N, C-alpha and C. Protein backbone atom coordinates (compact mmCIF):
# COMPACT_ATOMS: atom_id res chain seq x y z
N MET A 1 0.78 -1.21 0.18
CA MET A 1 0.09 0.10 0.15
C MET A 1 0.80 1.20 -0.03
N LYS A 2 0.87 2.27 -1.08
CA LYS A 2 1.70 3.28 -1.03
C LYS A 2 0.99 4.04 0.03
N GLU A 3 2.00 4.82 0.68
CA GLU A 3 2.30 5.60 1.88
C GLU A 3 1.91 7.28 1.25
N ALA A 4 0.92 8.33 2.14
CA ALA A 4 0.68 9.66 1.69
C ALA A 4 2.03 10.24 1.84
N PHE A 5 2.12 11.30 1.12
CA PHE A 5 3.42 12.05 1.06
C PHE A 5 3.89 12.84 2.34
N PHE A 6 3.35 13.14 3.37
CA PHE A 6 3.53 14.23 4.20
C PHE A 6 3.98 12.66 5.20
N PRO A 7 3.53 12.02 5.68
CA PRO A 7 3.78 10.67 6.12
C PRO A 7 4.81 9.94 6.21
N ALA A 8 5.15 10.05 4.64
CA ALA A 8 6.40 9.71 4.88
C ALA A 8 7.64 10.30 4.88
N PHE A 9 7.24 11.71 4.61
CA PHE A 9 8.45 12.46 4.89
C PHE A 9 8.99 12.64 6.09
N VAL A 10 7.37 12.46 6.92
CA VAL A 10 8.08 12.63 8.39
C VAL A 10 8.91 11.42 9.22
N ASN A 11 8.04 10.07 8.26
CA ASN A 11 8.72 9.13 9.14
C ASN A 11 10.21 9.22 8.69
N SER A 12 10.97 9.49 7.66
CA SER A 12 12.09 9.79 6.69
C SER A 12 12.84 10.27 7.86
N TYR A 13 12.30 11.29 8.38
CA TYR A 13 13.18 11.97 9.37
C TYR A 13 13.38 11.25 10.58
N PHE A 14 12.41 10.77 11.10
CA PHE A 14 12.66 10.19 12.76
C PHE A 14 13.14 8.89 12.21
N ILE A 15 12.65 8.33 11.58
CA ILE A 15 13.69 6.55 10.89
C ILE A 15 15.11 6.86 10.74
N SER A 16 15.75 8.02 10.12
CA SER A 16 17.02 8.29 10.19
C SER A 16 17.81 8.78 11.29
N LEU A 17 16.64 9.38 12.10
CA LEU A 17 17.07 9.96 13.41
C LEU A 17 17.78 8.74 14.54
N GLY A 18 16.49 7.69 14.37
CA GLY A 18 16.59 6.76 14.94
C GLY A 18 17.20 5.86 15.06
N VAL A 19 17.80 5.21 13.44
CA VAL A 19 18.76 4.40 13.45
C VAL A 19 20.24 5.12 14.01
N LEU A 20 20.36 6.51 13.55
CA LEU A 20 21.79 6.79 14.24
C LEU A 20 21.67 6.95 15.22
N LEU A 21 20.55 7.42 16.46
CA LEU A 21 21.21 7.41 17.79
C LEU A 21 21.00 6.05 18.07
N GLY A 22 20.22 5.54 17.84
CA GLY A 22 19.87 3.90 18.11
C GLY A 22 21.07 3.15 18.29
N GLY A 23 21.98 3.16 17.03
CA GLY A 23 22.99 2.43 16.80
C GLY A 23 24.24 2.93 17.63
N ALA A 24 24.30 4.17 17.55
CA ALA A 24 25.76 4.51 18.28
C ALA A 24 25.50 4.39 19.77
N LEU A 25 24.27 4.55 20.15
CA LEU A 25 24.03 4.26 21.87
C LEU A 25 23.87 2.70 22.28
N ILE A 26 23.74 1.85 21.61
CA ILE A 26 23.95 0.71 21.92
C ILE A 26 24.80 -0.16 21.26
N GLY A 27 25.75 0.80 20.30
CA GLY A 27 27.50 0.67 20.23
C GLY A 27 28.55 0.66 21.10
N GLY A 28 27.61 2.04 22.09
CA GLY A 28 28.46 2.45 23.31
C GLY A 28 28.14 1.62 24.10
N LEU A 29 27.53 0.84 24.41
CA LEU A 29 26.65 0.18 25.22
C LEU A 29 28.02 -1.05 25.09
N GLY A 30 27.95 -1.43 23.92
CA GLY A 30 28.87 -2.84 23.43
C GLY A 30 30.26 -2.55 24.30
N ALA A 31 30.51 -1.10 23.56
CA ALA A 31 32.15 -0.22 23.91
C ALA A 31 32.33 -0.63 25.32
N PHE A 32 31.17 -0.23 26.12
CA PHE A 32 31.57 -0.19 27.99
C PHE A 32 31.49 -1.78 28.50
N PHE A 33 30.60 -2.60 27.84
CA PHE A 33 31.14 -4.01 28.17
C PHE A 33 32.59 -4.60 27.32
N THR A 34 33.22 -4.01 26.51
CA THR A 34 34.20 -4.25 25.87
C THR A 34 35.46 -3.83 26.69
N GLU A 35 34.95 -2.69 27.64
CA GLU A 35 36.19 -1.87 28.43
C GLU A 35 37.13 -1.04 26.96
N GLN A 36 36.27 -0.39 25.92
CA GLN A 36 36.52 0.72 25.09
C GLN A 36 36.15 1.96 25.72
N PRO A 37 36.62 2.94 25.46
CA PRO A 37 36.20 4.35 25.58
C PRO A 37 34.53 3.95 25.04
N PRO A 38 33.76 4.48 25.75
CA PRO A 38 32.52 4.32 25.49
C PRO A 38 31.84 5.79 25.02
N LEU A 39 32.10 6.87 25.12
CA LEU A 39 31.70 8.12 24.71
C LEU A 39 32.81 8.28 23.37
N THR A 40 33.62 7.92 22.79
CA THR A 40 34.85 7.72 21.81
C THR A 40 34.03 7.15 20.75
N VAL A 41 33.60 5.62 21.37
CA VAL A 41 32.93 4.65 19.96
C VAL A 41 31.54 5.34 19.64
N VAL A 42 30.92 5.83 20.79
CA VAL A 42 29.70 6.30 20.16
C VAL A 42 29.63 7.37 19.29
N TYR A 43 30.96 8.63 19.11
CA TYR A 43 30.85 9.43 18.47
C TYR A 43 31.56 8.78 17.17
N ARG A 44 32.41 7.93 17.24
CA ARG A 44 32.45 7.25 15.79
C ARG A 44 31.62 6.40 15.37
N LEU A 45 31.12 5.72 15.64
CA LEU A 45 29.84 5.08 15.47
C LEU A 45 28.66 6.06 14.67
N ALA A 46 28.26 7.35 15.18
CA ALA A 46 27.59 8.30 14.78
C ALA A 46 28.10 8.61 13.53
N ASP A 47 29.09 9.01 13.40
CA ASP A 47 29.70 9.44 11.91
C ASP A 47 29.82 7.83 10.93
N SER A 48 30.41 7.02 11.64
CA SER A 48 30.34 6.13 10.71
C SER A 48 28.80 5.62 9.81
N LEU A 49 27.71 5.54 10.70
CA LEU A 49 26.24 4.92 10.24
C LEU A 49 25.58 6.22 9.71
N ARG A 50 25.59 7.46 9.33
CA ARG A 50 25.20 8.19 8.46
C ARG A 50 24.64 7.97 7.86
N ILE A 51 25.07 7.17 6.39
CA ILE A 51 24.91 6.61 5.27
C ILE A 51 24.00 5.85 5.74
N TRP A 52 24.29 4.50 6.92
CA TRP A 52 22.92 3.51 6.98
C TRP A 52 22.04 3.96 7.28
N ALA A 53 21.55 5.11 7.81
CA ALA A 53 20.55 5.87 8.54
C ALA A 53 19.99 6.14 7.21
N ILE A 54 20.44 7.04 6.84
CA ILE A 54 19.80 7.38 5.31
C ILE A 54 18.96 6.71 4.56
N ILE A 55 19.83 5.59 4.13
CA ILE A 55 19.40 4.37 2.91
C ILE A 55 18.18 3.38 3.76
N ALA A 56 18.29 3.48 5.24
CA ALA A 56 17.30 2.82 6.36
C ALA A 56 15.87 3.70 5.79
N ALA A 57 16.37 4.55 5.86
CA ALA A 57 15.28 5.77 6.02
C ALA A 57 14.06 5.73 4.84
N ILE A 58 15.13 5.84 3.21
CA ILE A 58 14.86 6.10 2.33
C ILE A 58 13.91 4.13 1.81
N GLY A 59 14.11 3.80 2.41
CA GLY A 59 13.44 2.14 2.27
C GLY A 59 14.16 1.60 1.53
N GLY A 60 15.61 1.32 1.20
CA GLY A 60 16.61 0.95 0.02
C GLY A 60 16.77 1.81 -0.88
N THR A 61 17.84 1.57 -1.75
CA THR A 61 18.50 2.65 -3.13
C THR A 61 17.32 1.66 -4.14
N PHE A 62 16.72 0.97 -4.41
CA PHE A 62 16.24 0.36 -5.69
C PHE A 62 14.62 1.22 -5.68
N ASP A 63 13.88 1.16 -4.92
CA ASP A 63 12.83 2.05 -4.83
C ASP A 63 12.90 3.76 -5.83
N THR A 64 14.27 4.02 -4.78
CA THR A 64 14.55 5.43 -5.13
C THR A 64 15.16 5.95 -6.68
N VAL A 65 15.54 4.73 -6.72
CA VAL A 65 16.05 4.81 -8.03
C VAL A 65 15.42 4.11 -9.19
N TYR A 66 14.57 3.07 -9.11
CA TYR A 66 13.01 3.34 -9.79
C TYR A 66 12.16 4.53 -9.86
N SER A 67 12.09 5.37 -8.83
CA SER A 67 11.44 6.36 -9.29
C SER A 67 11.97 7.68 -10.06
N PHE A 68 13.30 7.49 -9.61
CA PHE A 68 14.12 8.72 -10.45
C PHE A 68 13.90 7.75 -12.48
N GLU A 69 14.12 6.91 -12.41
CA GLU A 69 13.67 6.49 -13.65
C GLU A 69 12.43 6.98 -14.36
N ARG A 70 11.61 6.50 -13.37
CA ARG A 70 10.14 7.22 -13.78
C ARG A 70 9.83 8.32 -14.22
N GLY A 71 10.81 9.50 -13.30
CA GLY A 71 10.79 10.80 -13.39
C GLY A 71 11.33 11.36 -14.77
N ILE A 72 12.64 10.38 -15.01
CA ILE A 72 13.71 11.02 -16.10
C ILE A 72 12.95 10.18 -17.34
N PHE A 73 12.26 9.20 -17.53
CA PHE A 73 12.19 8.39 -19.14
C PHE A 73 10.37 8.81 -19.50
N HIS A 74 9.83 8.85 -18.07
CA HIS A 74 8.11 8.88 -18.32
C HIS A 74 7.52 10.08 -18.07
N GLY A 75 8.56 10.99 -17.61
CA GLY A 75 8.18 12.56 -17.57
C GLY A 75 7.15 12.61 -16.47
N GLU A 76 7.70 11.91 -15.30
CA GLU A 76 6.91 12.09 -14.15
C GLU A 76 7.41 12.71 -12.90
N THR A 77 8.37 14.05 -13.14
CA THR A 77 8.93 15.01 -12.86
C THR A 77 8.45 15.13 -11.20
N LYS A 78 7.22 14.65 -10.51
CA LYS A 78 6.39 14.79 -9.54
C LYS A 78 7.44 14.12 -8.37
N ASP A 79 7.29 12.76 -9.40
CA ASP A 79 7.69 11.96 -8.36
C ASP A 79 9.33 12.18 -7.94
N ILE A 80 10.41 12.46 -8.86
CA ILE A 80 11.66 12.92 -8.57
C ILE A 80 11.28 14.29 -7.48
N VAL A 81 10.96 15.16 -7.55
CA VAL A 81 10.79 16.22 -6.44
C VAL A 81 10.48 15.38 -5.16
N LYS A 82 9.09 14.55 -5.01
CA LYS A 82 9.21 13.61 -3.56
C LYS A 82 9.92 12.80 -3.65
N GLN A 83 11.08 12.10 -4.01
CA GLN A 83 12.14 11.37 -3.61
C GLN A 83 13.43 12.40 -3.29
N ILE A 84 13.81 13.58 -4.13
CA ILE A 84 14.61 14.17 -3.56
C ILE A 84 14.23 14.74 -1.99
N LEU A 85 12.63 15.38 -1.95
CA LEU A 85 12.88 15.48 -0.66
C LEU A 85 12.50 14.78 0.26
N LEU A 86 12.33 13.74 0.26
CA LEU A 86 12.78 12.31 1.00
C LEU A 86 14.04 12.21 1.55
N ILE A 87 14.63 12.13 0.35
CA ILE A 87 16.56 11.64 1.02
C ILE A 87 16.63 13.27 2.03
N LEU A 88 16.44 14.66 1.58
CA LEU A 88 16.77 15.62 1.90
C LEU A 88 15.84 15.73 3.30
N SER A 89 14.90 14.86 3.58
CA SER A 89 14.49 14.44 5.14
C SER A 89 15.16 13.70 5.92
N ALA A 90 15.55 12.87 5.26
CA ALA A 90 16.77 11.73 5.90
C ALA A 90 17.76 11.85 6.11
N LEU A 91 18.90 12.98 5.12
CA LEU A 91 19.84 13.70 5.35
C LEU A 91 19.75 14.45 6.93
N ALA A 92 18.55 15.19 7.00
CA ALA A 92 17.98 16.09 8.17
C ALA A 92 18.11 15.02 9.31
N GLY A 93 17.37 14.00 9.48
CA GLY A 93 17.09 13.49 10.42
C GLY A 93 18.84 12.64 10.96
N ALA A 94 19.72 12.61 10.04
CA ALA A 94 20.64 11.99 10.12
C ALA A 94 21.56 13.04 10.76
N GLN A 95 21.41 14.20 10.50
CA GLN A 95 22.46 15.41 10.42
C GLN A 95 21.83 15.92 12.45
N THR A 96 20.48 15.94 12.59
CA THR A 96 20.01 15.93 14.25
C THR A 96 20.90 15.19 14.71
N GLY A 97 20.47 13.68 14.58
CA GLY A 97 21.27 12.40 15.15
C GLY A 97 22.42 12.68 16.08
N ALA A 98 23.78 12.87 14.53
CA ALA A 98 24.98 13.26 14.85
C ALA A 98 24.96 14.18 15.29
N SER A 99 24.30 15.60 15.55
CA SER A 99 24.01 16.84 16.46
C SER A 99 24.51 16.60 17.63
N VAL A 100 22.74 15.92 17.85
CA VAL A 100 22.82 15.25 19.45
C VAL A 100 24.29 14.46 20.10
N ILE A 101 24.49 13.12 19.36
CA ILE A 101 25.55 12.77 19.62
C ILE A 101 26.90 13.75 20.06
N ASN A 102 27.36 14.35 18.75
CA ASN A 102 28.03 15.73 19.04
C ASN A 102 28.05 16.15 20.71
N TRP A 103 26.45 16.76 20.92
CA TRP A 103 26.41 17.62 21.93
C TRP A 103 26.73 16.66 23.59
N LEU A 104 26.06 15.53 23.00
CA LEU A 104 26.48 14.63 24.45
C LEU A 104 27.85 14.10 24.84
N THR A 105 28.45 14.32 23.64
CA THR A 105 30.05 13.50 23.87
C THR A 105 30.97 14.32 23.94
N GLN A 106 30.77 15.34 23.47
CA GLN A 106 31.40 17.29 23.60
C GLN A 106 32.91 16.19 23.12
N GLN A 107 32.70 15.27 22.26
CA GLN A 107 34.35 14.80 20.93
C GLN A 107 34.95 15.83 20.37
N ASN A 108 34.12 16.94 20.16
CA ASN A 108 34.48 18.12 18.75
C ASN A 108 35.39 19.33 20.00
N ILE A 109 35.26 19.43 21.10
CA ILE A 109 35.46 20.21 21.87
C ILE A 109 37.18 20.21 22.20
N SER A 110 37.93 20.95 21.65
CA SER A 110 39.75 20.84 21.62
C SER A 110 40.17 21.33 23.36
N GLN A 111 41.12 20.86 24.04
CA GLN A 111 41.21 20.98 25.25
C GLN A 111 42.19 22.16 25.17
């Protein structure tokens, strides 16, 4: 079943945010159990999980590629604009999550 655009837009943001925050914080818990510095690991995981959070939020790459193909070859520019907005929403969610992790860990502050 096709989801309406605005709910998909909001879901894309929060899925990306949740994947980044959840993955980084649970990874930090694993680092704690293995006696590694948890805040450093959380910061590094947040940096490396950004692309995966975006991919998870847009539902994989094949649907997006198919929508771009329809937009380009079939003249349905509305689909291209929708996909670009969904990707931007996922990017915003990943950036928000990374900013929250940076704020929590304070890893970017020089001594």
